[in-house]
Amino acid sequence: MPDIIGIDHLYVTVSDLARSEQFYDPLMAILGFRKSLFQLGGENHIHYYNRHFGYVLRPARSAQAHNPYAPGLHHFCLRVEDKAEVNEVAQRLKQLNIAASEPRLYPDYAPDYYAVFLTDPDGMQLEITNYRQERRQRHDHWQDLEVK
């Protein structure tokens, strides 16, 4: 059986590529992503990438706004190592005047769920969370987990 080892890339459609680039450039720099530009089908694309995966912005072909409660992607969550890194990201967002929630614990999600939330110019919800104990256990003890 194949073992999916990660997300290779994600394409996000944006209404205004230049406006989104202004938002994502500092955000992705904070998160350690690099940037490249390319064309596909005659359309400009912006590729942010790190060692693990790519996050690509592509131009929209309609003016319909993002609705997180319509079928499709609700939000996208990125994981950092721990609460200290969530706090560091939140502080750097604040320094760059990027609107975001205050980082805090969300015990309704999990006892150690700590996150900060923000929204891109098209209303795509983004989240940065810590690497929680349950996720670590799942990763480190996958073969020992009972299949239900």
C-alpha atoms as a PDB file:
ATOM      1  CA  MET A   1       0.000   0.000   0.000  1.00  0.00           C
ATOM      2  CA  PRO A   2       1.417   3.455  -0.893  1.00  0.00           C
ATOM      3  CA  ASP A   3       2.407   5.644   2.030  1.00  0.00           C
ATOM      4  CA  ILE A   4       1.504   9.292   1.440  1.00  0.00           C
ATOM      5  CA  ILE A   5       4.395  11.147   2.996  1.00  0.00           C
ATOM      6  CA  GLY A   6       3.166  14.728   2.690  1.00  0.00           C
ATOM      7  CA  ILE A   7       1.418  17.351   0.640  1.00  0.00           C
ATOM      8  CA  ASP A   8       3.393  18.113  -2.504  1.00  0.00           C
ATOM      9  CA  HIS A   9       1.649  21.351  -3.454  1.00  0.00           C
ATOM     10  CA  LEU A  10      -1.562  23.308  -3.100  1.00  0.00           C
ATOM     11  CA  TYR A  11      -2.994  25.729  -5.663  1.00  0.00           C
ATOM     12  CA  VAL A  12      -4.985  28.697  -4.356  1.00  0.00           C
ATOM     13  CA  THR A  13      -7.000  30.734  -6.831  1.00  0.00           C
ATOM     14  CA  VAL A  14      -6.922  34.484  -6.175  1.00  0.00           C
ATOM     15  CA  SER A  15      -8.939  37.369  -7.586  1.00  0.00           C
ATOM     16  CA  ASP A  16      -6.012  39.808  -7.847  1.00  0.00           C
ATOM     17  CA  LEU A  17      -2.560  38.264  -8.184  1.00  0.00           C
ATOM     18  CA  ALA A  18      -0.685  41.503  -7.404  1.00  0.00           C
ATOM     19  CA  ARG A  19      -2.752  42.181  -4.253  1.00  0.00           C
ATOM     20  CA  SER A  20      -2.303  38.605  -3.061  1.00  0.00           C
ATOM     21  CA  GLU A  21       1.429  38.771  -3.752  1.00  0.00           C
ATOM     22  CA  GLN A  22       1.666  41.830  -1.477  1.00  0.00           C
ATOM     23  CA  PHE A  23      -0.100  39.865   1.283  1.00  0.00           C
ATOM     24  CA  TYR A  24       1.681  36.533   0.841  1.00  0.00           C
ATOM     25  CA  ASP A  25       5.254  37.788   0.292  1.00  0.00           C
ATOM     26  CA  PRO A  26       5.830  38.879   3.909  1.00  0.00           C
ATOM     27  CA  LEU A  27       3.696  36.058   5.348  1.00  0.00           C
ATOM     28  CA  MET A  28       5.565  33.335   3.501  1.00  0.00           C
ATOM     29  CA  ALA A  29       8.931  34.963   4.277  1.00  0.00           C
ATOM     30  CA  ILE A  30       8.047  34.794   7.989  1.00  0.00           C
ATOM     31  CA  LEU A  31       7.286  31.091   7.549  1.00  0.00           C
ATOM     32  CA  GLY A  32      10.565  30.398   5.729  1.00  0.00           C
ATOM     33  CA  PHE A  33       9.156  29.895   2.224  1.00  0.00           C
ATOM     34  CA  ARG A  34      11.014  30.877  -0.920  1.00  0.00           C
ATOM     35  CA  LYS A  35       9.347  32.306  -4.020  1.00  0.00           C
ATOM     36  CA  SER A  36       9.444  31.725  -7.752  1.00  0.00           C
ATOM     37  CA  LEU A  37       7.329  33.007 -10.607  1.00  0.00           C
ATOM     38  CA  PHE A  38       6.186  30.961 -13.589  1.00  0.00           C
ATOM     39  CA  GLN A  39       3.593  30.850 -16.338  1.00  0.00           C
ATOM     40  CA  LEU A  40       1.198  28.043 -16.997  1.00  0.00           C
ATOM     41  CA  GLY A  41      -1.221  28.204 -19.910  1.00  0.00           C
ATOM     42  CA  GLY A  42      -0.179  31.802 -20.507  1.00  0.00           C
ATOM     43  CA  GLU A  43      -1.147  32.835 -16.950  1.00  0.00           C
ATOM     44  CA  ASN A  44       1.263  34.141 -14.320  1.00  0.00           C
ATOM     45  CA  HIS A  45       1.578  32.030 -11.168  1.00  0.00           C
ATOM     46  CA  ILE A  46       3.431  32.635  -7.895  1.00  0.00           C
ATOM     47  CA  HIS A  47       5.021  29.625  -6.226  1.00  0.00           C
ATOM     48  CA  TYR A  48       5.962  29.780  -2.543  1.00  0.00           C
ATOM     49  CA  TYR A  49       7.831  26.688  -1.420  1.00  0.00           C
ATOM     50  CA  ASN A  50       9.843  25.199   1.405  1.00  0.00           C
ATOM     51  CA  ARG A  51      11.596  21.840   1.820  1.00  0.00           C
ATOM     52  CA  HIS A  52       8.258  20.079   2.251  1.00  0.00           C
ATOM     53  CA  PHE A  53       5.700  21.473  -0.194  1.00  0.00           C
ATOM     54  CA  GLY A  54       4.596  24.285  -2.480  1.00  0.00           C
ATOM     55  CA  TYR A  55       1.800  26.835  -2.123  1.00  0.00           C
ATOM     56  CA  VAL A  56       0.907  28.289  -5.510  1.00  0.00           C
ATOM     57  CA  LEU A  57      -1.204  31.356  -6.283  1.00  0.00           C
ATOM     58  CA  ARG A  58      -2.979  31.314  -9.623  1.00  0.00           C
ATOM     59  CA  PRO A  59      -5.374  33.882 -11.145  1.00  0.00           C
ATOM     60  CA  ALA A  60      -9.107  33.300 -10.796  1.00  0.00           C
ATOM     61  CA  ARG A  61     -11.301  32.982 -13.869  1.00  0.00           C
ATOM     62  CA  SER A  62     -14.445  34.254 -12.140  1.00  0.00           C
ATOM     63  CA  ALA A  63     -15.234  36.975  -9.616  1.00  0.00           C
ATOM     64  CA  GLN A  64     -16.950  34.683  -7.129  1.00  0.00           C
ATOM     65  CA  ALA A  65     -15.689  35.314  -3.586  1.00  0.00           C
ATOM     66  CA  HIS A  66     -14.295  32.529  -1.427  1.00  0.00           C
ATOM     67  CA  ASN A  67     -16.908  31.005   0.857  1.00  0.00           C
ATOM     68  CA  PRO A  68     -15.433  28.696   3.515  1.00  0.00           C
ATOM     69  CA  TYR A  69     -18.835  27.062   4.036  1.00  0.00           C
ATOM     70  CA  ALA A  70     -19.467  26.243   0.371  1.00  0.00           C
ATOM     71  CA  PRO A  71     -18.125  22.980  -1.031  1.00  0.00           C
ATOM     72  CA  GLY A  72     -14.354  23.160  -1.323  1.00  0.00           C
ATOM     73  CA  LEU A  73     -11.523  24.201   0.940  1.00  0.00           C
ATOM     74  CA  HIS A  74     -12.605  25.643   4.303  1.00  0.00           C
ATOM     75  CA  HIS A  75      -9.176  26.702   5.563  1.00  0.00           C
ATOM     76  CA  PHE A  76      -5.534  25.771   5.331  1.00  0.00           C
ATOM     77  CA  CYS A  77      -3.459  25.055   8.430  1.00  0.00           C
ATOM     78  CA  LEU A  78       0.318  25.135   8.597  1.00  0.00           C
ATOM     79  CA  ARG A  79       2.180  23.470  11.454  1.00  0.00           C
ATOM     80  CA  VAL A  80       5.208  24.795  13.306  1.00  0.00           C
ATOM     81  CA  GLU A  81       7.184  22.944  15.958  1.00  0.00           C
ATOM     82  CA  ASP A  82       5.738  24.388  19.161  1.00  0.00           C
ATOM     83  CA  LYS A  83       3.822  27.161  20.924  1.00  0.00           C
ATOM     84  CA  ALA A  84       6.906  29.382  20.994  1.00  0.00           C
ATOM     85  CA  GLU A  85       7.035  29.326  17.186  1.00  0.00           C
ATOM     86  CA  VAL A  86       3.298  30.119  16.958  1.00  0.00           C
ATOM     87  CA  ASN A  87       3.980  33.118  19.208  1.00  0.00           C
ATOM     88  CA  GLU A  88       6.966  34.142  17.089  1.00  0.00           C
ATOM     89  CA  VAL A  89       4.879  34.022  13.898  1.00  0.00           C
ATOM     90  CA  ALA A  90       2.099  36.043  15.550  1.00  0.00           C
ATOM     91  CA  GLN A  91       4.578  38.657  16.768  1.00  0.00           C
ATOM     92  CA  ARG A  92       6.171  38.987  13.340  1.00  0.00           C
ATOM     93  CA  LEU A  93       2.726  39.297  11.700  1.00  0.00           C
ATOM     94  CA  LYS A  94       1.895  42.097  14.124  1.00  0.00           C
ATOM     95  CA  GLN A  95       5.202  43.860  13.356  1.00  0.00           C
ATOM     96  CA  LEU A  96       4.277  43.800   9.650  1.00  0.00           C
ATOM     97  CA  ASN A  97       0.708  44.994  10.349  1.00  0.00           C
ATOM     98  CA  ILE A  98      -0.794  41.753   9.053  1.00  0.00           C
ATOM     99  CA  ALA A  99      -4.116  41.287  10.826  1.00  0.00           C
ATOM    100  CA  ALA A 100      -4.273  38.032  12.786  1.00  0.00           C
ATOM    101  CA  SER A 101      -5.886  36.669  15.909  1.00  0.00           C
ATOM    102  CA  GLU A 102      -3.955  36.589  19.146  1.00  0.00           C
ATOM    103  CA  PRO A 103      -2.281  33.209  19.556  1.00  0.00           C
ATOM    104  CA  ARG A 104      -4.027  31.130  22.168  1.00  0.00           C
ATOM    105  CA  LEU A 105      -4.966  27.680  23.362  1.00  0.00           C
ATOM    106  CA  TYR A 106      -8.072  26.049  21.809  1.00  0.00           C
ATOM    107  CA  PRO A 107      -8.900  23.227  24.255  1.00  0.00           C
ATOM    108  CA  ASP A 108     -12.144  22.430  22.401  1.00  0.00           C
ATOM    109  CA  TYR A 109      -9.973  21.184  19.510  1.00  0.00           C
ATOM    110  CA  ALA A 110      -7.377  19.372  21.634  1.00  0.00           C
ATOM    111  CA  PRO A 111      -5.874  19.944  25.090  1.00  0.00           C
ATOM    112  CA  ASP A 112      -2.638  21.362  23.614  1.00  0.00           C
ATOM    113  CA  TYR A 113      -4.046  22.992  20.441  1.00  0.00           C
ATOM    114  CA  TYR A 114      -2.393  26.424  20.180  1.00  0.00           C
ATOM    115  CA  ALA A 115      -2.923  28.553  17.092  1.00  0.00           C
ATOM    116  CA  VAL A 116      -3.138  31.907  15.366  1.00  0.00           C
ATOM    117  CA  PHE A 117      -5.613  32.627  12.541  1.00  0.00           C
ATOM    118  CA  LEU A 118      -5.559  35.102   9.654  1.00  0.00           C
ATOM    119  CA  THR A 119      -7.376  35.667   6.383  1.00  0.00           C
ATOM    120  CA  ASP A 120      -5.940  36.378   2.945  1.00  0.00           C
ATOM    121  CA  PRO A 121      -7.318  39.161   0.689  1.00  0.00           C
ATOM    122  CA  ASP A 122      -9.853  36.766  -0.898  1.00  0.00           C
ATOM    123  CA  GLY A 123     -11.176  35.499   2.421  1.00  0.00           C
ATOM    124  CA  MET A 124      -9.163  32.250   2.523  1.00  0.00           C
ATOM    125  CA  GLN A 125      -8.685  31.391   6.168  1.00  0.00           C
ATOM    126  CA  LEU A 126      -5.165  30.445   7.192  1.00  0.00           C
ATOM    127  CA  GLU A 127      -4.005  28.977  10.481  1.00  0.00           C
ATOM    128  CA  ILE A 128      -0.638  28.336  12.068  1.00  0.00           C
ATOM    129  CA  THR A 129      -0.670  25.746  14.846  1.00  0.00           C
ATOM    130  CA  ASN A 130       1.774  23.858  17.020  1.00  0.00           C
ATOM    131  CA  TYR A 131       2.813  20.240  16.516  1.00  0.00           C
ATOM    132  CA  ARG A 132       0.451  18.713  19.040  1.00  0.00           C
ATOM    133  CA  GLN A 133       1.116  15.618  21.125  1.00  0.00           C
ATOM    134  CA  GLU A 134      -1.615  13.575  19.410  1.00  0.00           C
ATOM    135  CA  ARG A 135      -0.038  14.297  16.008  1.00  0.00           C
ATOM    136  CA  ARG A 136       3.427  13.406  17.299  1.00  0.00           C
ATOM    137  CA  GLN A 137       2.107  10.126  18.723  1.00  0.00           C
ATOM    138  CA  ARG A 138       0.392   9.290  15.459  1.00  0.00           C
ATOM    139  CA  HIS A 139       3.572   9.975  13.509  1.00  0.00           C
ATOM    140  CA  ASP A 140       5.980   8.217  15.856  1.00  0.00           C
ATOM    141  CA  HIS A 141       3.813   5.164  16.614  1.00  0.00           C
ATOM    142  CA  TRP A 142       1.873   4.673  13.373  1.00  0.00           C
ATOM    143  CA  GLN A 143       2.559   0.950  13.156  1.00  0.00           C
ATOM    144  CA  ASP A 144       1.341   0.415  16.728  1.00  0.00           C
ATOM    145  CA  LEU A 145      -2.016   2.175  16.310  1.00  0.00           C
ATOM    146  CA  GLU A 146      -5.121   0.051  16.198  1.00  0.00           C
ATOM    147  CA  VAL A 147      -7.055   0.269  12.929  1.00  0.00           C
ATOM    148  CA  LYS A 148     -10.747   0.896  13.589  1.00  0.00           C
END
